[in-house]
Amino acid sequence: MATPASFSLFQFLALLVLFSLPGCANSYTKLVNRICGQLKVYDMVDFCVETLESDSRTATAANLVSLGHISLNLAITNATDTRVYIKQLLVDKATGKRRRLCLKGCEELYGNIFYDAEQGGKALQEKKYEDVIEWGVAIAIEADRCEEGFRLHPPMESPLSQRNKNIIGIHLIIVYIAETLIWRSGEL
């Protein structure tokens, strides 16, 4: 039975061999750069690359569909982590009544984001790329609604601003992957 340390060493060696083969290291890099390059308009190229490369599966992503699943899984992970963070904030007795209401609303919205990303994954699996776009857009809408709750009068600082921005960025990755898949399948 392999120990965690030997398993990690095995993974490292396998990746080292993989990346030493001609063209292998560049194939996923080209794939990531192609998608992330489309986010230049939003000044989110670096965010896109860093986000996708934060998932070790990106290094072995063979195509846009696998990269789409990785992106949707990143949205699920982000939603889960954000809900845990919100629960921690709600435990804090110093959290005011209005902020508590906003946080509870965001907790529900991030539950929706989790669901949206799961449904996007199912749509991607079924090659329903237009539906992937709709689920991706729903993710951004939910995050924006969360942030909007803190901007209402009187506005207050949102403890979730960066998390909301991140999930909106992930939504852009998901949408661009789905749009590229539509274009490639000749449906656009």
Protein backbone atom coordinates (compact mmCIF):
# COMPACT_ATOMS: atom_id res chain seq x y z
CA MET A 1 0.00 0.00 0.00
CA ALA A 2 1.41 3.40 -0.96
CA THR A 3 1.87 6.04 1.65
CA PRO A 4 0.73 9.61 0.96
CA ALA A 5 4.37 10.70 0.59
CA SER A 6 5.19 7.98 -1.95
CA PHE A 7 1.97 8.69 -3.82
CA SER A 8 2.92 12.35 -4.09
CA LEU A 9 6.38 11.40 -5.26
CA PHE A 10 4.80 9.10 -7.86
CA GLN A 11 2.52 11.90 -9.06
CA PHE A 12 5.49 14.25 -9.30
CA LEU A 13 7.51 11.76 -11.32
CA ALA A 14 4.58 11.01 -13.61
CA LEU A 15 4.08 14.70 -14.30
CA LEU A 16 7.79 15.18 -14.83
CA VAL A 17 7.80 12.42 -17.45
CA LEU A 18 4.63 13.78 -19.03
CA PHE A 19 6.01 17.28 -19.36
CA SER A 20 9.32 16.10 -20.70
CA LEU A 21 7.61 14.55 -23.73
CA PRO A 22 7.65 16.81 -26.80
CA GLY A 23 4.47 18.84 -27.10
CA CYS A 24 2.74 17.51 -23.96
CA ALA A 25 3.54 20.42 -21.70
CA ASN A 26 2.44 22.89 -24.33
CA SER A 27 -0.88 21.26 -25.26
CA TYR A 28 -2.65 22.16 -22.04
CA THR A 29 -0.87 25.53 -21.92
CA LYS A 30 -2.16 26.33 -25.40
CA LEU A 31 -5.66 25.24 -24.40
CA VAL A 32 -5.63 27.41 -21.26
CA ASN A 33 -4.09 30.37 -23.09
CA ARG A 34 -6.66 30.11 -25.88
CA ILE A 35 -9.57 30.32 -23.44
CA CYS A 36 -7.98 32.82 -21.07
CA GLY A 37 -6.86 35.05 -23.95
CA GLN A 38 -10.53 35.65 -24.71
CA LEU A 39 -10.88 37.29 -21.29
CA LYS A 40 -8.43 40.05 -22.20
CA VAL A 41 -11.38 42.39 -22.73
CA TYR A 42 -12.24 41.98 -19.04
CA ASP A 43 -8.58 42.26 -17.91
CA MET A 44 -8.95 38.78 -16.44
CA VAL A 45 -6.34 36.79 -18.37
CA ASP A 46 -4.07 36.32 -15.35
CA PHE A 47 -7.03 35.46 -13.13
CA CYS A 48 -8.17 32.86 -15.65
CA VAL A 49 -4.75 31.22 -15.99
CA GLU A 50 -4.14 31.21 -12.23
CA THR A 51 -7.61 29.86 -11.52
CA LEU A 52 -7.41 27.03 -14.04
CA GLU A 53 -3.87 26.14 -13.04
CA SER A 54 -4.92 26.01 -9.38
CA ASP A 55 -6.58 22.70 -10.22
CA SER A 56 -3.98 20.00 -10.85
CA ARG A 57 -6.29 18.31 -13.37
CA THR A 58 -5.75 21.22 -15.76
CA ALA A 59 -2.28 19.88 -16.55
CA THR A 60 -3.88 16.78 -18.06
CA ALA A 61 -6.91 18.46 -19.65
CA ALA A 62 -7.02 17.02 -23.14
CA ASN A 63 -9.79 19.20 -24.55
CA LEU A 64 -12.29 21.97 -23.94
CA VAL A 65 -14.87 19.63 -22.43
CA SER A 66 -12.48 18.47 -19.71
CA LEU A 67 -11.46 22.09 -19.11
CA GLY A 68 -15.17 22.96 -18.86
CA HIS A 69 -15.69 20.30 -16.21
CA ILE A 70 -12.68 21.61 -14.31
CA SER A 71 -14.12 25.15 -14.44
CA LEU A 72 -17.50 23.99 -13.21
CA ASN A 73 -15.82 22.04 -10.40
CA LEU A 74 -13.92 25.19 -9.47
CA ALA A 75 -17.27 27.00 -9.21
CA ILE A 76 -18.60 24.22 -6.95
CA THR A 77 -15.49 24.40 -4.76
CA ASN A 78 -15.72 28.20 -4.61
CA ALA A 79 -19.41 28.05 -3.66
CA THR A 80 -18.77 25.45 -0.97
CA ASP A 81 -15.83 27.38 0.51
CA THR A 82 -17.81 30.61 0.46
CA ARG A 83 -20.78 29.03 2.25
CA VAL A 84 -18.43 27.74 4.97
CA TYR A 85 -16.91 31.23 5.27
CA ILE A 86 -20.38 32.80 5.52
CA LYS A 87 -21.31 30.38 8.31
CA GLN A 88 -18.15 31.41 10.17
CA LEU A 89 -19.12 35.08 9.78
CA LEU A 90 -22.64 34.36 11.04
CA VAL A 91 -21.26 32.78 14.22
CA ASP A 92 -19.50 36.05 15.08
CA LYS A 93 -21.66 37.81 17.68
CA ALA A 94 -20.32 41.21 16.56
CA THR A 95 -22.04 40.83 13.18
CA GLY A 96 -24.81 43.41 12.99
CA LYS A 97 -28.44 42.61 12.16
CA ARG A 98 -28.38 44.03 8.61
CA ARG A 99 -25.04 42.41 7.77
CA ARG A 100 -26.39 39.13 9.16
CA LEU A 101 -29.41 39.39 6.84
CA CYS A 102 -27.15 40.05 3.86
CA LEU A 103 -24.95 37.11 4.77
CA LYS A 104 -27.94 34.79 5.13
CA GLY A 105 -29.14 35.89 1.71
CA CYS A 106 -25.68 35.24 0.28
CA GLU A 107 -25.55 31.84 1.91
CA GLU A 108 -28.71 30.89 0.04
CA LEU A 109 -27.41 32.42 -3.20
CA TYR A 110 -24.18 30.44 -2.93
CA GLY A 111 -26.29 27.31 -2.46
CA ASN A 112 -27.89 28.25 -5.78
CA ILE A 113 -24.45 28.76 -7.34
CA PHE A 114 -23.50 25.23 -6.24
CA TYR A 115 -26.68 23.91 -7.88
CA ASP A 116 -26.13 26.00 -11.03
CA ALA A 117 -22.60 24.63 -11.43
CA GLU A 118 -23.80 21.05 -10.94
CA GLN A 119 -26.49 21.56 -13.58
CA GLY A 120 -23.91 23.14 -15.88
CA GLY A 121 -21.81 19.99 -15.49
CA LYS A 122 -24.75 17.80 -16.45
CA ALA A 123 -25.47 19.99 -19.47
CA LEU A 124 -21.81 19.84 -20.51
CA GLN A 125 -21.85 16.05 -20.21
CA GLU A 126 -24.93 15.98 -22.47
CA LYS A 127 -23.30 18.39 -24.94
CA LYS A 128 -26.03 20.99 -24.32
CA TYR A 129 -23.60 23.89 -24.56
CA GLU A 130 -26.29 26.60 -24.71
CA ASP A 131 -27.55 25.31 -21.36
CA VAL A 132 -24.01 25.44 -19.97
CA ILE A 133 -23.97 29.14 -20.89
CA GLU A 134 -27.32 29.70 -19.16
CA TRP A 135 -26.12 27.95 -15.99
CA GLY A 136 -22.87 29.91 -16.15
CA VAL A 137 -24.73 33.20 -16.43
CA ALA A 138 -26.96 32.16 -13.51
CA ILE A 139 -23.80 31.74 -11.42
CA ALA A 140 -22.78 35.34 -12.12
CA ILE A 141 -26.26 36.67 -11.43
CA GLU A 142 -26.35 34.95 -8.03
CA ALA A 143 -22.93 36.36 -7.07
CA ASP A 144 -23.96 39.85 -8.21
CA ARG A 145 -27.18 39.62 -6.20
CA CYS A 146 -25.12 38.71 -3.14
CA GLU A 147 -22.91 41.76 -3.61
CA GLU A 148 -25.92 43.97 -4.35
CA GLY A 149 -27.38 43.22 -0.92
CA PHE A 150 -24.43 44.99 0.67
CA ARG A 151 -24.71 47.97 -1.70
CA LEU A 152 -28.29 48.81 -0.74
CA HIS A 153 -28.95 51.92 1.34
CA PRO A 154 -27.16 52.49 3.50
CA PRO A 155 -24.32 50.72 1.71
CA MET A 156 -21.87 48.69 3.76
CA GLU A 157 -18.64 46.93 3.02
CA SER A 158 -19.14 43.39 1.80
CA PRO A 159 -16.91 40.76 3.36
CA LEU A 160 -17.58 38.69 0.23
CA SER A 161 -16.54 41.16 -2.50
CA GLN A 162 -13.43 39.25 -3.59
CA ARG A 163 -15.24 35.92 -3.47
CA ASN A 164 -18.08 37.34 -5.56
CA LYS A 165 -15.60 38.76 -8.04
CA ASN A 166 -13.85 35.38 -8.25
CA ILE A 167 -17.02 33.44 -8.95
CA ILE A 168 -18.01 35.98 -11.62
CA GLY A 169 -14.57 35.44 -13.18
CA ILE A 170 -15.09 31.67 -13.11
CA HIS A 171 -18.45 32.19 -14.81
CA LEU A 172 -16.66 33.97 -17.66
CA ILE A 173 -14.34 31.00 -18.10
CA ILE A 174 -17.31 28.62 -18.19
CA VAL A 175 -19.20 30.76 -20.71
CA TYR A 176 -16.22 31.20 -23.04
CA ILE A 177 -15.51 27.46 -23.00
CA ALA A 178 -19.16 26.71 -23.84
CA GLU A 179 -19.25 29.36 -26.58
CA THR A 180 -16.09 27.89 -28.10
CA LEU A 181 -17.63 24.42 -28.01
CA ILE A 182 -20.73 25.75 -29.78
CA TRP A 183 -18.61 27.48 -32.39
CA ARG A 184 -16.57 24.32 -32.98
CA SER A 185 -19.67 22.20 -33.35
CA GLY A 186 -20.96 24.59 -36.03
CA GLU A 187 -24.02 25.67 -34.07
CA LEU A 188 -23.03 29.31 -33.75
